[in-house]
Amino acid sequence: MDAPATQSAHDCTTRTAGEWTWYAPGDGAEGRPRERDDGDGPAAPPDGREAGQAPGREHEHPAEACPAPSDAARPEPLRPSPLPMAAAAPPAAGSSSSPSPDAILVRRTLAEIEPVADKATSYFYALLFVRYPGLRELFPAAMDVQRDRLFKALLTAAEHADDPKTLTAYLSRLGRGHRKYGTQAVHYPAVGECLIGALTRYAPGTWSEAAEAAWVRVYTAVSQIMIDAAAEDEQRAPAWWQAEIVSHERRTRSVAVLTLRPDQPYPFLAGQYTSVETPWWPRVWRHYSFSSAPREDGLLSFHVKAVPAGWVSGALVHRARPGDVVRLGPPAGSMTVDHSTDDGMLCLGGGTGIAPIEALVEDVVRHGRRRPVDVFYGARYDDDLYDIDTLLRLQKAHRWLCVRPVVSDGPTRGLSGQLPAVVRKYGPWHACDAFLSGPPEMIRSSVDTLVGIGIPSHRIRHDALDEPAIRGR
């Protein structure tokens, strides 16, 4: 059912001024993107979307529940080999074939592990660091988020074990992203060995020789995909970029706009994001979306909101100054514009989630196409619309752009209410491509609203919502 035609989609009358990864070394989610101070970790599930926002935990809890494993009776390390993914899971997802035997065994193990996932993953890391202490330096000081990330990565791989194409794309992205942590091919056997050790201890009910053989085959295939992707990426891109902060502008007490100059060309698309490591918190990476389209001068910009107990976001907002140097990981994300069509664009940005929305608008401007673009910029209070002037200047210069600020609490010169509810009052939107960026609860509510008013789900793009995943801290 279409939205009430109380106002047309482009009747702009409001013009106020004003990963997770397999073992993810160096990751951790203090919060999430676009703000995207999301933990570099929680990589998006392989559904074609990337990144959401959800606060993670900040403080590490020692693995006291897990006895320090002995170094005795160490099993022979798993050795990655170029085993095709199909060997572990031949049938593609959605086919009429039953799940492969390996997929069934792996899922049974995970079902048993789930109630004790925290203990099992804590034991895995204890085992890894006792047997291979040299690997500890690849990880951040706080390890609590890692425990969540590992199990969710395993669940994703198990869920898509019978869909080699999807899983390969997902794992390849993770393999490329792991390069910035210093991960090398020789590390994967150690991880596999300790993973088997943890599963053996915490899944006694479903563990057997057959289950172990299935896990070895699946992990071997998984690790080889990641190793191959990293090796291929090494031929064409660095593991990370050094970038100097050339401008640091405080917009509110907790929000800053940073402009950086990378030490070499940084290829990305408008709507994508990157991971950032600061000199004050080595090996701790957080995700941030680019707030502009690629520029001729090569400069990059981000919007950062300092969140409570946010190590990286707090440092970038309150401590960073021009001249400081940070490291950037490779670009990621698929919330980009399809320039082969002139279909309208409906863009919803909440808080610092407005950053990639601005980049998308700039991208449309630079391609010179006159497609209708409607932007709803949501914030809690009027003063939180820290970049509304930028959008209004773009609106004034381009008649096809309509910007509507929306405030949920307090007085405002714009529209009042929750962002999804306000969007329903306009339209119709069923022929538009939708782009969503902001807190996970806003994205979930907006997706439900947009599907309900007729936008097909495949035309709604946003960063993935890994439950305990991303939002920059």
Protein backbone atom coordinates (compact mmCIF):
# COMPACT_ATOMS: atom_id res chain seq x y z
CA MET A 1 0.00 0.00 0.00
CA ASP A 2 1.43 3.36 -0.97
CA ALA A 3 2.03 6.13 1.50
CA PRO A 4 -0.74 8.71 1.83
CA ALA A 5 -0.38 11.28 -0.91
CA THR A 6 -0.56 14.14 1.55
CA GLN A 7 2.58 15.57 0.01
CA SER A 8 4.29 14.50 -3.15
CA ALA A 9 7.60 12.73 -3.00
CA HIS A 10 9.49 15.69 -4.30
CA ASP A 11 7.40 18.58 -3.01
CA CYS A 12 10.16 19.95 -0.81
CA THR A 13 8.38 22.52 1.32
CA THR A 14 10.54 22.29 4.43
CA ARG A 15 13.61 24.43 3.88
CA THR A 16 15.01 25.32 7.28
CA ALA A 17 18.43 26.87 7.52
CA GLY A 18 20.19 25.58 9.43
CA GLU A 19 33.79 -8.25 10.19
CA TRP A 20 32.81 -10.13 12.25
CA THR A 21 35.57 -12.13 11.27
CA TRP A 22 36.93 -15.59 11.99
CA TYR A 23 39.22 -14.37 14.68
CA ALA A 24 39.48 -10.69 13.77
CA PRO A 25 42.78 -9.56 15.25
CA GLY A 26 42.79 -5.90 16.05
CA ASP A 27 39.03 -5.57 15.91
CA GLY A 28 36.49 -4.74 18.48
CA ALA A 29 33.23 -2.91 18.37
CA GLU A 30 32.94 0.03 20.65
CA GLY A 31 29.99 1.19 18.67
CA ARG A 32 29.37 1.72 14.87
CA PRO A 33 29.75 3.40 11.37
CA ARG A 34 28.90 6.28 9.47
CA GLU A 35 29.54 7.65 12.58
CA ARG A 36 30.88 4.53 11.76
CA ASP A 37 33.01 4.33 14.45
CA ASP A 38 31.94 0.82 14.26
CA GLY A 39 34.12 -1.88 15.27
CA ASP A 40 36.04 -2.94 12.28
CA GLY A 41 34.99 -6.30 13.24
CA PRO A 42 31.67 -7.64 12.78
CA ALA A 43 31.94 -7.98 9.14
CA ALA A 44 28.58 -7.96 7.48
CA PRO A 45 26.77 -11.19 6.86
CA PRO A 46 26.87 -12.25 3.22
CA ASP A 47 23.52 -10.79 2.22
CA GLY A 48 24.75 -8.10 -0.14
CA ARG A 49 24.50 -5.39 2.48
CA GLU A 50 27.14 -4.16 4.84
CA ALA A 51 27.25 -2.74 8.24
CA GLY A 52 24.72 -1.54 10.79
CA GLN A 53 25.24 0.05 14.13
CA ALA A 54 25.11 -1.42 17.55
CA PRO A 55 27.18 -0.72 20.62
CA GLY A 56 29.59 -3.35 21.74
CA ARG A 57 31.21 -3.94 25.11
CA GLU A 58 34.35 -2.06 26.02
CA HIS A 59 35.98 -3.84 28.90
CA GLU A 60 37.76 -7.15 28.74
CA HIS A 61 36.83 -9.81 31.23
CA PRO A 62 39.57 -12.35 31.93
CA ALA A 63 38.69 -15.84 30.83
CA GLU A 64 38.56 -17.08 34.39
CA ALA A 65 35.85 -19.56 33.45
CA CYS A 66 38.33 -21.23 31.13
CA PRO A 67 41.27 -23.02 32.76
CA ALA A 68 44.54 -22.12 31.12
CA PRO A 69 45.14 -24.96 28.70
CA SER A 70 48.23 -27.05 29.00
CA ASP A 71 50.72 -27.16 26.18
CA ALA A 72 50.86 -30.93 26.44
CA ALA A 73 49.20 -33.29 24.00
CA ARG A 74 49.02 -30.64 21.33
CA PRO A 75 47.27 -31.95 18.22
CA GLU A 76 48.94 -31.66 14.85
CA PRO A 77 48.12 -28.22 13.38
CA LEU A 78 45.64 -28.08 10.56
CA ARG A 79 47.32 -27.32 7.25
CA PRO A 80 45.38 -25.23 4.77
CA SER A 81 45.20 -26.78 1.35
CA PRO A 82 43.46 -25.66 -1.83
CA LEU A 83 40.39 -27.75 -1.09
CA PRO A 84 37.45 -26.44 -3.14
CA MET A 85 34.55 -25.10 -1.13
CA ALA A 86 32.33 -27.57 -2.90
CA ALA A 87 34.19 -30.36 -1.16
CA ALA A 88 32.72 -29.17 2.09
CA ALA A 89 29.33 -28.17 0.73
CA PRO A 90 28.33 -28.92 -2.84
CA PRO A 91 24.69 -27.86 -3.16
CA ALA A 92 23.95 -24.19 -3.55
CA ALA A 93 21.58 -22.46 -1.18
CA GLY A 94 18.03 -22.53 -2.30
CA SER A 95 18.50 -25.72 -4.29
CA SER A 96 16.29 -28.73 -3.86
CA SER A 97 19.21 -30.78 -2.54
CA SER A 98 19.47 -31.57 1.15
CA PRO A 99 22.24 -29.96 3.22
CA SER A 100 25.60 -31.60 2.75
CA PRO A 101 26.76 -34.09 5.43
CA ASP A 102 29.51 -31.69 6.51
CA ALA A 103 27.07 -28.80 6.86
CA ILE A 104 24.77 -30.94 9.01
CA LEU A 105 27.59 -31.98 11.34
CA VAL A 106 28.94 -28.44 11.65
CA ARG A 107 25.50 -27.01 12.45
CA ARG A 108 24.89 -29.65 15.09
CA THR A 109 28.13 -28.73 16.79
CA LEU A 110 27.26 -25.04 16.73
CA ALA A 111 23.81 -25.72 18.17
CA GLU A 112 25.42 -27.47 21.13
CA ILE A 113 28.04 -24.74 21.54
CA GLU A 114 25.59 -21.85 21.42
CA PRO A 115 24.53 -21.90 25.13
CA VAL A 116 28.20 -21.84 26.18
CA ALA A 117 29.57 -19.82 23.29
CA ASP A 118 31.24 -17.25 25.55
CA LYS A 119 33.14 -19.94 27.45
CA ALA A 120 34.05 -21.83 24.30
CA THR A 121 35.43 -18.79 22.49
CA SER A 122 37.26 -17.60 25.60
CA TYR A 123 38.86 -21.01 25.84
CA PHE A 124 39.76 -20.84 22.15
CA TYR A 125 41.67 -17.59 22.64
CA ALA A 126 43.33 -18.85 25.83
CA LEU A 127 44.46 -21.91 23.92
CA LEU A 128 45.69 -19.81 21.01
CA PHE A 129 47.71 -17.41 23.15
CA VAL A 130 49.26 -20.15 25.32
CA ARG A 131 50.31 -22.26 22.36
CA TYR A 132 51.20 -19.38 20.05
CA PRO A 133 52.07 -16.37 22.26
CA GLY A 134 53.48 -14.52 19.27
CA LEU A 135 49.94 -14.11 17.90
CA ARG A 136 48.78 -12.09 20.92
CA GLU A 137 50.33 -8.91 19.54
CA LEU A 138 47.97 -9.03 16.56
CA PHE A 139 44.97 -8.49 18.85
CA PRO A 140 43.71 -5.46 20.81
CA ALA A 141 44.21 -5.25 24.57
CA ALA A 142 40.49 -5.78 25.23
CA MET A 143 39.30 -9.14 23.96
CA ASP A 144 35.69 -9.35 25.16
CA VAL A 145 34.15 -8.36 21.83
CA GLN A 146 36.23 -11.03 20.10
CA ARG A 147 34.30 -13.79 21.84
CA ASP A 148 31.03 -12.64 20.32
CA ARG A 149 32.59 -12.09 16.93
CA LEU A 150 34.09 -15.53 16.54
CA PHE A 151 30.88 -17.42 17.24
CA LYS A 152 28.79 -15.21 14.98
CA ALA A 153 31.31 -15.70 12.19
CA LEU A 154 31.03 -19.45 12.64
CA LEU A 155 27.25 -19.23 12.52
CA THR A 156 27.40 -17.26 9.29
CA ALA A 157 29.74 -19.74 7.67
CA ALA A 158 27.60 -22.67 8.80
CA GLU A 159 24.41 -21.01 7.60
CA HIS A 160 25.86 -20.51 4.12
CA ALA A 161 27.94 -23.67 3.97
CA ASP A 162 25.85 -24.98 1.09
CA ASP A 163 26.13 -21.73 -0.88
CA PRO A 164 29.75 -21.64 -2.11
CA LYS A 165 29.29 -18.53 -4.23
CA THR A 166 27.92 -16.39 -1.41
CA LEU A 167 30.31 -17.76 1.18
CA THR A 168 33.32 -17.29 -1.08
CA ALA A 169 32.46 -13.62 -1.66
CA TYR A 170 32.04 -13.10 2.08
CA LEU A 171 35.25 -14.87 3.06
CA SER A 172 37.26 -13.18 0.32
CA ARG A 173 36.30 -9.80 1.70
CA LEU A 174 37.34 -10.91 5.18
CA GLY A 175 40.63 -12.25 3.88
CA ARG A 176 41.43 -8.94 2.22
CA GLY A 177 40.42 -7.01 5.32
CA HIS A 178 42.59 -9.16 7.60
CA ARG A 179 45.73 -7.92 5.90
CA LYS A 180 45.71 -4.71 7.92
CA TYR A 181 46.09 -6.72 11.14
CA GLY A 182 49.25 -8.37 9.91
CA THR A 183 47.52 -11.72 9.42
CA GLN A 184 49.59 -14.14 7.34
CA ALA A 185 48.89 -17.54 5.79
CA VAL A 186 51.00 -19.26 8.45
CA HIS A 187 48.61 -18.07 11.18
CA TYR A 188 45.60 -19.97 9.89
CA PRO A 189 46.75 -23.49 10.89
CA ALA A 190 47.25 -22.32 14.48
CA VAL A 191 43.76 -20.84 14.55
CA GLY A 192 42.27 -24.03 13.13
CA GLU A 193 44.10 -26.21 15.64
CA CYS A 194 42.83 -24.18 18.60
CA LEU A 195 39.33 -23.99 17.18
CA ILE A 196 39.19 -27.79 17.05
CA GLY A 197 40.51 -27.91 20.61
CA ALA A 198 37.75 -25.62 21.87
CA LEU A 199 35.01 -27.50 20.00
CA THR A 200 36.27 -30.82 21.35
CA ARG A 201 36.00 -29.51 24.91
CA TYR A 202 32.65 -27.73 24.70
CA ALA A 203 30.63 -29.92 22.29
CA PRO A 204 31.01 -33.41 23.80
CA GLY A 205 27.49 -34.45 22.87
CA THR A 206 27.89 -34.00 19.13
CA TRP A 207 31.66 -34.34 18.77
CA SER A 208 32.94 -37.41 17.00
CA GLU A 209 35.57 -38.43 14.50
CA ALA A 210 33.10 -37.62 11.73
CA ALA A 211 32.33 -34.19 13.20
CA GLU A 212 36.02 -33.39 13.57
CA ALA A 213 36.69 -34.46 9.98
CA ALA A 214 33.83 -32.23 8.79
CA TRP A 215 35.20 -29.24 10.70
CA VAL A 216 38.69 -29.83 9.34
CA ARG A 217 37.38 -29.90 5.77
CA VAL A 218 35.22 -26.82 6.23
CA TYR A 219 37.90 -24.82 8.03
CA THR A 220 40.53 -25.83 5.48
CA ALA A 221 38.31 -24.61 2.66
CA VAL A 222 37.40 -21.42 4.53
CA SER A 223 40.97 -20.53 5.39
CA GLN A 224 42.20 -21.20 1.87
CA ILE A 225 39.63 -18.84 0.40
CA MET A 226 40.77 -16.10 2.79
CA ILE A 227 44.47 -16.80 2.14
CA ASP A 228 43.99 -16.70 -1.63
CA ALA A 229 41.99 -13.46 -1.46
CA ALA A 230 44.68 -11.80 0.68
CA ALA A 231 47.44 -12.95 -1.66
CA GLU A 232 45.60 -11.59 -4.70
CA ASP A 233 44.88 -8.29 -2.96
CA GLU A 234 48.54 -7.93 -1.98
CA GLN A 235 49.44 -7.63 -5.66
CA ARG A 236 47.38 -4.47 -6.14
CA ALA A 237 46.85 -2.68 -2.82
CA PRO A 238 48.67 -2.00 0.45
CA ALA A 239 47.50 -3.64 3.67
CA TRP A 240 46.77 -0.17 5.07
CA TRP A 241 47.22 3.52 4.28
CA GLN A 242 48.81 6.20 6.45
CA ALA A 243 46.66 9.33 6.52
CA GLU A 244 47.44 12.73 8.04
CA ILE A 245 44.66 14.76 9.63
CA VAL A 246 44.66 18.11 7.82
CA SER A 247 41.46 19.51 9.30
CA HIS A 248 39.56 18.88 12.54
CA GLU A 249 36.29 20.77 12.93
CA ARG A 250 34.12 20.38 16.03
CA ARG A 251 30.44 20.68 15.08
CA THR A 252 28.99 19.88 18.51
CA ARG A 253 30.44 18.87 21.88
CA SER A 254 30.58 15.25 20.71
CA VAL A 255 30.77 15.43 16.91
CA ALA A 256 33.77 16.33 14.77
CA VAL A 257 34.33 16.40 11.02
CA LEU A 258 37.82 15.20 10.09
CA THR A 259 39.59 15.67 6.76
CA LEU A 260 42.54 13.39 6.01
CA ARG A 261 45.28 13.22 3.38
CA PRO A 262 46.32 9.61 2.63
CA ASP A 263 49.95 8.89 1.82
CA GLN A 264 48.96 7.33 -1.52
CA PRO A 265 45.82 7.23 -3.67
CA TYR A 266 42.88 5.69 -1.82
CA PRO A 267 40.27 4.19 -4.18
CA PHE A 268 36.71 4.08 -2.87
CA LEU A 269 33.11 4.71 -3.91
CA ALA A 270 30.63 7.15 -2.41
CA GLY A 271 28.60 5.35 0.25
CA GLN A 272 31.45 3.08 1.34
CA TYR A 273 33.31 3.08 4.64
CA THR A 274 36.74 2.25 6.00
CA SER A 275 38.35 1.17 9.26
CA VAL A 276 40.53 3.55 11.26
CA GLU A 277 43.31 2.89 13.79
CA THR A 278 44.66 5.75 15.90
CA PRO A 279 48.14 6.10 17.41
CA TRP A 280 46.57 6.24 20.88
CA TRP A 281 44.91 2.81 20.65
CA PRO A 282 47.14 0.51 18.57
CA ARG A 283 45.46 -2.55 17.02
CA VAL A 284 41.99 -1.17 17.79
CA TRP A 285 40.11 -0.40 14.58
CA ARG A 286 36.75 1.29 14.11
CA HIS A 287 34.57 1.82 11.04
CA TYR A 288 33.67 5.23 9.62
CA SER A 289 31.82 6.14 6.45
CA PHE A 290 33.23 8.62 3.97
CA SER A 291 31.18 11.82 4.04
CA SER A 292 32.07 12.89 0.52
CA ALA A 293 32.47 11.37 -2.92
CA PRO A 294 36.03 10.81 -4.19
CA ARG A 295 37.75 14.19 -4.61
CA GLU A 296 40.26 15.35 -7.18
CA ASP A 297 42.66 16.42 -4.43
CA GLY A 298 42.50 12.93 -2.88
CA LEU A 299 41.35 14.16 0.53
CA LEU A 300 38.99 12.02 2.63
CA SER A 301 36.44 13.17 5.21
CA PHE A 302 34.55 11.50 8.06
CA HIS A 303 32.00 12.45 10.68
CA VAL A 304 32.88 11.08 14.12
CA LYS A 305 30.71 11.06 17.21
CA ALA A 306 32.35 10.42 20.56
CA VAL A 307 30.30 7.76 22.32
CA PRO A 308 30.49 6.80 26.02
CA ALA A 309 33.62 4.76 26.75
CA GLY A 310 34.50 5.00 23.07
CA TRP A 311 38.23 4.62 22.80
CA VAL A 312 38.71 5.48 19.16
CA SER A 313 35.83 7.90 18.71
CA GLY A 314 36.73 9.75 21.89
CA ALA A 315 40.33 10.10 20.76
CA LEU A 316 39.36 11.30 17.29
CA VAL A 317 36.91 13.89 18.60
CA HIS A 318 38.66 15.15 21.74
CA ARG A 319 42.35 14.39 21.23
CA ALA A 320 43.19 14.36 17.53
CA ARG A 321 44.62 17.49 15.94
CA PRO A 322 45.86 18.47 12.46
CA GLY A 323 49.20 16.80 11.86
CA ASP A 324 48.31 13.58 13.65
CA VAL A 325 48.58 10.44 11.54
CA VAL A 326 46.14 7.52 11.58
CA ARG A 327 45.98 4.28 9.62
CA LEU A 328 43.16 3.32 7.25
CA GLY A 329 42.10 -0.14 6.18
CA PRO A 330 40.70 -0.93 2.72
CA PRO A 331 37.32 0.47 1.64
CA ALA A 332 34.26 -1.71 2.10
CA GLY A 333 30.51 -1.53 1.68
CA SER A 334 27.97 -1.87 -1.10
CA MET A 335 25.60 1.03 -0.33
CA THR A 336 26.53 2.75 -3.58
CA VAL A 337 24.61 4.46 -6.39
CA ASP A 338 23.67 2.68 -9.60
CA HIS A 339 24.28 5.38 -12.21
CA SER A 340 22.78 3.33 -15.03
CA THR A 341 19.28 4.36 -13.96
CA ASP A 342 17.44 7.64 -13.35
CA ASP A 343 15.14 6.16 -10.70
CA GLY A 344 14.51 8.38 -7.71
CA MET A 345 16.58 8.03 -4.55
CA LEU A 346 15.07 8.08 -1.07
CA CYS A 347 17.81 8.66 1.53
CA LEU A 348 17.34 8.41 5.29
CA GLY A 349 20.20 9.46 7.56
CA GLY A 350 20.08 9.47 11.36
CA GLY A 351 22.72 11.25 13.45
CA THR A 352 26.19 10.86 11.94
CA GLY A 353 24.55 8.41 9.55
CA ILE A 354 24.05 11.49 7.40
CA ALA A 355 27.73 11.26 6.36
CA PRO A 356 27.41 8.58 3.64
CA ILE A 357 24.12 10.14 2.52
CA GLU A 358 25.97 13.37 1.78
CA ALA A 359 28.55 11.35 -0.15
CA LEU A 360 25.80 9.77 -2.25
CA VAL A 361 24.28 13.16 -3.05
CA GLU A 362 27.70 14.49 -4.10
CA ASP A 363 28.15 11.42 -6.28
CA VAL A 364 24.89 12.16 -8.11
CA VAL A 365 25.96 15.79 -8.56
CA ARG A 366 29.28 14.77 -10.10
CA HIS A 367 27.68 12.36 -12.53
CA GLY A 368 25.51 15.20 -13.81
CA ARG A 369 22.24 13.26 -13.83
CA ARG A 370 18.98 14.97 -12.89
CA ARG A 371 17.37 12.19 -10.89
CA PRO A 372 15.09 13.11 -7.97
CA VAL A 373 16.79 12.68 -4.60
CA ASP A 374 14.87 13.05 -1.33
CA VAL A 375 16.88 13.25 1.88
CA PHE A 376 15.32 12.90 5.34
CA TYR A 377 17.87 13.95 7.97
CA GLY A 378 16.88 12.72 11.41
CA ALA A 379 18.13 13.77 14.84
CA ARG A 380 16.86 13.79 18.39
CA TYR A 381 17.09 17.54 18.91
CA ASP A 382 17.30 20.49 16.55
CA ASP A 383 20.87 21.25 17.63
CA ASP A 384 21.89 17.73 16.62
CA LEU A 385 21.33 18.56 12.94
CA TYR A 386 24.98 19.59 12.84
CA ASP A 387 25.41 19.43 9.05
CA ILE A 388 22.04 20.65 7.84
CA ASP A 389 23.59 23.78 6.27
CA THR A 390 25.74 21.65 3.96
CA LEU A 391 22.69 19.80 2.69
CA LEU A 392 20.64 22.97 2.29
CA ARG A 393 23.39 24.53 0.20
CA LEU A 394 23.32 21.49 -2.07
CA GLN A 395 19.52 21.72 -2.25
CA LYS A 396 19.69 25.37 -3.26
CA ALA A 397 22.11 24.54 -6.08
CA HIS A 398 20.21 21.51 -7.41
CA ARG A 399 16.46 21.58 -7.97
CA TRP A 400 16.24 17.78 -8.08
CA LEU A 401 17.36 17.56 -4.43
CA CYS A 402 14.91 17.90 -1.55
CA VAL A 403 16.14 17.94 2.07
CA ARG A 404 13.81 17.50 5.04
CA PRO A 405 15.19 17.72 8.60
CA VAL A 406 13.28 15.61 11.12
CA VAL A 407 13.54 16.00 14.90
CA SER A 408 12.07 13.45 17.30
CA ASP A 409 12.22 15.46 20.56
CA GLY A 410 11.89 19.12 21.41
CA PRO A 411 11.02 22.17 19.31
CA THR A 412 12.23 22.34 15.74
CA ARG A 413 12.05 24.46 12.61
CA GLY A 414 11.73 21.26 10.60
CA LEU A 415 9.47 18.22 10.82
CA SER A 416 8.64 16.53 14.12
CA GLY A 417 8.41 12.80 14.82
CA GLN A 418 10.24 9.55 14.33
CA LEU A 419 12.01 9.37 10.99
CA PRO A 420 10.17 6.31 9.53
CA ALA A 421 6.77 7.69 10.55
CA VAL A 422 7.50 11.04 8.91
CA VAL A 423 8.64 9.37 5.69
CA ARG A 424 5.27 7.58 5.47
CA LYS A 425 3.51 10.93 5.16
CA TYR A 426 5.28 11.63 1.89
CA GLY A 427 5.57 9.63 -1.29
CA PRO A 428 4.77 7.53 -3.11
CA TRP A 429 8.19 5.89 -2.86
CA HIS A 430 7.60 2.48 -4.46
CA ALA A 431 9.60 3.37 -7.59
CA CYS A 432 12.62 4.65 -5.65
CA ASP A 433 15.88 3.11 -4.52
CA ALA A 434 16.21 3.59 -0.77
CA PHE A 435 19.45 4.22 1.16
CA LEU A 436 19.47 4.01 4.96
CA SER A 437 22.23 4.98 7.36
CA GLY A 438 22.07 5.42 11.11
CA PRO A 439 21.49 3.55 14.36
CA PRO A 440 20.38 -0.08 13.93
CA GLU A 441 16.99 0.49 15.51
CA MET A 442 16.30 3.30 13.03
CA ILE A 443 17.34 1.12 10.11
CA ARG A 444 15.17 -1.81 11.23
CA SER A 445 12.14 0.42 11.70
CA SER A 446 12.75 2.17 8.40
CA VAL A 447 13.09 -1.09 6.48
CA ASP A 448 9.77 -2.30 7.90
CA THR A 449 8.11 1.00 6.99
CA LEU A 450 9.49 1.14 3.46
CA VAL A 451 8.58 -2.46 2.68
CA GLY A 452 5.12 -1.75 4.07
CA ILE A 453 4.57 1.18 1.70
CA GLY A 454 5.65 -0.70 -1.38
CA ILE A 455 9.42 -0.51 -1.83
CA PRO A 456 10.76 -3.98 -2.73
CA SER A 457 13.33 -5.16 -0.20
CA HIS A 458 15.97 -5.62 -2.89
CA ARG A 459 15.83 -1.87 -3.57
CA ILE A 460 16.53 -0.96 0.06
CA ARG A 461 20.24 -0.59 0.76
CA HIS A 462 21.94 -0.19 4.10
CA ASP A 463 24.87 -1.43 6.10
CA ALA A 464 24.43 -4.87 7.56
CA LEU A 465 22.86 -5.22 10.98
CA ASP A 466 25.03 -7.78 12.74
CA GLU A 467 23.31 -7.74 16.07
CA PRO A 468 26.29 -7.02 18.29
CA ALA A 469 28.20 -5.39 15.57
CA ILE A 470 28.99 -1.97 14.44
CA ARG A 471 29.02 1.60 15.50
CA GLY A 472 32.15 3.52 16.04
CA ARG A 473 33.55 4.09 19.47
